Amino acid sequence: MNVYITLDYEIYFGKNHGTVEKCIIYPTSELIRISKKHNVQFVFFVDCGFILKLKEYQIRFPQLKKDYEAIISQVKLLSEDGHDIQLHIHPHWEDSYFDGERWVINVNRYKLSDFNETEIEDIVKRYKNVITEITGKEPFAFRAGGWCLQPFSKLEKAFRENKITLDSSVFRNGFYSSEQYSYDFRNAPDKDIYHFEHDVTEEKANGFFTEVPISPIKNSPFFFWKLFLLGRKDPYLHKPLGDGNAMPAPGYRKKLLTKFTNNPVSVDGYNSHLLSAALRKLKLQNRKHMVVIGHPKALSRYSIIKLEAFIEENKTQHCFTTFSKEFSK
């Protein structure tokens, strides 16, 4: 089975967005350590809007110049070491700014579909060029910020024009809706890879786009009660390495603690406890692809230990690989 460890490379988007050093640079350095030790590569979906904002403001604010240079240097290193650098878009950066002390993050237009088609084409082109300029390689794979990929028909032209042919945003049965963001994957095919055209949840045999979904998992409320209790009992082991807070998701925590929920397989925090069980289930279903999502900012000391153990246990039986190795033409 092909196993893709995919990381959304970004800061937090709440009022406390955290620092670049603790949300991105340090936890990613731990991933680099693991990759070198075990000779595996990961997929990094880089938040290019943030890089563009750093580039814009670094001229006026020396502290941002340091952040900008650290990210550029690390992304270059990742690419040179064989990791995948692919496109991640959080378009709210178009409306956000630095006030001299902190980022003022405006999430009123959090989804790409909140923009008109001309604006979407401009954003996709500019953000894609960020990666090409840093790595010398053109990205072809995409992950939507907050999984907000719908309606895809509004994004389709921009993706075609910029040769973005592969997506990995969907996780089967995922659903959430709020004022700022939403996604609905309840009708997505029960497959680990499929093609599509205008609707990311509708399979088309000869579709222009390829979907390699994030592997799904169903969690009980007990799992999340345990997660929250462990975080309080042993914060050194279970607290995220990132020093910020996520943007509000009204009602989401209550839902996790009271109902069975559909979620993506993840390496973030205590979610990493389920990696081996998720792999076993996929093997029983004869799947060929396992996609794991994660965020450097949301990794914990516990999840780093579990990720390394998962790789050590499975690297001779399964192929830890990247989208470029498996899908680039």
Foldseek 3Di string as FASTA:
>chain_A
DEEAEEAEAAFAQAPFRFDLVQFHQVLVVLVVVLCVVLVFAHEYAYALLVLVQLVVCCVPAVVSVVSNVSVLVVLQVNVVSPHHYAHEYQPQSVVWHDPRPDIDGDLQARFLVSDALVVLLVRLVVSQVSSCVSHVDGHQEYEYVVLACPQVLSNQVSSVVSNNAEYASDEEQDWADDSRGIDGLPQADPAQKAADARHNRDGDRPHRHMYRYQYKDKDALVLVVVLVVVCVVCVQFFPFSGDGDHHDRPPPNVCSNHGTHMDGQELFGPSLVCVVVSVVVCVVVVHDYHYYYYYSRRHGNNSSVSVSVVCVVPVVPYHHHHCCVPPPD
